[in-house]
Amino acid sequence: MKQLLIITLICLSLMPLQAEESYPSQQKIKKLQYAQKVFRKKLQRRCGYTAAHWAQQHTKVEWKIFQTSGTFKDEFAHMCPKGMKVAKDKWMEPLYLFATEYAKDSGNRPRC
């Protein structure tokens, strides 16, 4: 009985940690919405495809490699050269979050 109580308490104490991991924070949600809005209004016509199609060109790991190596902006320019003419540096972080959230292997699909 004592072991059951201890296991129950441990499980209950870990539940909030699991909930935080499974639901994105409000700040992240706002950045994802911002990236989608920017892509739709400023880049979609120039790039020739939607933000979802753009994000699904690579896996999460590939997007993370581009970001950590500092070549995310270069990859964006390679994928959408016309869009790079109007792209701003402040868009890169939200676009990176969008790309990793909706990457090819993420299983997530944005509401477009």
Protein backbone atom coordinates (compact mmCIF):
# COMPACT_ATOMS: atom_id res chain seq x y z
CA MET A 1 0.00 0.00 0.00
CA LYS A 2 2.82 2.36 0.86
CA GLN A 3 4.51 1.65 -2.48
CA LEU A 4 1.29 2.38 -4.35
CA LEU A 5 1.01 5.72 -2.57
CA ILE A 6 4.61 6.62 -3.43
CA ILE A 7 4.14 5.68 -7.10
CA THR A 8 0.93 7.71 -7.27
CA LEU A 9 2.62 10.77 -5.77
CA ILE A 10 5.53 10.49 -8.20
CA CYS A 11 3.16 10.21 -11.17
CA LEU A 12 1.13 13.18 -10.00
CA SER A 13 4.23 15.29 -9.52
CA LEU A 14 5.44 14.52 -13.06
CA MET A 15 2.12 15.31 -14.77
CA PRO A 16 2.67 19.09 -14.95
CA LEU A 17 6.04 18.51 -16.63
CA GLN A 18 4.43 16.39 -19.33
CA ALA A 19 1.71 18.96 -19.93
CA GLU A 20 4.28 21.73 -20.45
CA GLU A 21 6.15 19.67 -23.03
CA SER A 22 3.07 18.66 -24.99
CA TYR A 23 1.56 22.12 -25.29
CA PRO A 24 3.52 25.00 -26.81
CA SER A 25 3.80 28.17 -24.78
CA GLN A 26 1.72 31.22 -25.64
CA GLN A 27 4.86 33.05 -26.77
CA LYS A 28 5.74 30.23 -29.17
CA ILE A 29 2.19 30.15 -30.51
CA LYS A 30 2.34 33.90 -31.18
CA LYS A 31 5.66 33.53 -33.02
CA LEU A 32 4.26 30.67 -35.12
CA GLN A 33 1.20 32.74 -36.02
CA TYR A 34 3.43 35.73 -36.81
CA ALA A 35 5.65 33.62 -39.09
CA GLN A 36 2.65 32.21 -40.91
CA LYS A 37 1.17 35.69 -41.35
CA VAL A 38 4.46 37.13 -42.63
CA PHE A 39 4.91 34.26 -45.04
CA ARG A 40 1.34 34.52 -46.32
CA LYS A 41 1.38 38.30 -46.77
CA LYS A 42 4.97 39.01 -47.77
CA LEU A 43 6.63 35.85 -49.07
CA GLN A 44 4.08 33.39 -50.47
CA ARG A 45 3.64 35.13 -53.80
CA ARG A 46 7.37 35.62 -54.22
CA CYS A 47 8.29 32.07 -53.21
CA GLY A 48 5.52 30.40 -55.16
CA TYR A 49 4.32 28.10 -52.37
CA THR A 50 2.70 28.18 -48.95
CA ALA A 51 4.51 28.34 -45.63
CA ALA A 52 3.51 24.73 -44.90
CA HIS A 53 5.03 23.53 -48.17
CA TRP A 54 8.18 25.53 -47.46
CA ALA A 55 8.56 24.07 -43.94
CA GLN A 56 8.09 20.53 -45.20
CA GLN A 57 11.11 20.74 -47.48
CA HIS A 58 13.36 19.54 -44.63
CA THR A 59 13.16 17.50 -41.42
CA LYS A 60 13.37 19.00 -37.93
CA VAL A 61 16.98 17.91 -37.60
CA GLU A 62 17.93 19.51 -40.91
CA TRP A 63 16.28 22.81 -39.90
CA LYS A 64 18.10 22.70 -36.55
CA ILE A 65 21.42 22.08 -38.29
CA PHE A 66 20.83 25.12 -40.51
CA GLN A 67 20.05 27.24 -37.45
CA THR A 68 22.97 26.09 -35.30
CA SER A 69 25.48 26.36 -38.11
CA GLY A 70 24.25 29.86 -38.99
CA THR A 71 23.12 28.91 -42.49
CA PHE A 72 19.36 29.16 -41.96
CA LYS A 73 19.20 32.50 -43.75
CA ASP A 74 21.29 31.10 -46.62
CA GLU A 75 18.97 28.11 -46.95
CA PHE A 76 15.97 30.43 -46.94
CA ALA A 77 17.63 32.47 -49.71
CA HIS A 78 18.32 29.28 -51.67
CA MET A 79 14.71 28.09 -51.35
CA CYS A 80 13.11 31.48 -52.00
CA PRO A 81 15.52 33.92 -53.70
CA LYS A 82 12.79 36.43 -54.59
CA GLY A 83 11.52 36.41 -51.01
CA MET A 84 14.97 37.12 -49.66
CA LYS A 85 14.85 40.54 -51.34
CA VAL A 86 12.10 41.65 -48.92
CA ALA A 87 12.89 39.41 -45.92
CA LYS A 88 13.89 41.08 -42.66
CA ASP A 89 16.26 39.70 -40.06
CA LYS A 90 13.56 39.83 -37.37
CA TRP A 91 11.52 37.31 -39.40
CA MET A 92 14.21 34.61 -39.27
CA GLU A 93 13.59 33.40 -35.70
CA PRO A 94 9.81 33.01 -36.12
CA LEU A 95 10.34 31.39 -39.54
CA TYR A 96 12.80 28.95 -37.95
CA LEU A 97 10.28 28.06 -35.23
CA PHE A 98 7.63 27.59 -37.90
CA ALA A 99 9.94 25.41 -39.98
CA THR A 100 10.79 23.12 -37.06
CA GLU A 101 7.19 22.93 -35.83
CA TYR A 102 5.82 21.94 -39.25
CA ALA A 103 8.82 20.10 -40.68
CA LYS A 104 8.49 17.06 -42.91
CA ASP A 105 8.81 14.59 -40.03
CA SER A 106 6.86 16.53 -37.37
CA GLY A 107 3.40 15.24 -38.25
CA ASN A 108 1.97 18.72 -37.62
CA ARG A 109 0.03 20.69 -40.21
CA PRO A 110 -0.65 24.42 -39.87
CA ARG A 111 -4.13 25.85 -40.23
CA CYS A 112 -3.87 27.79 -43.46
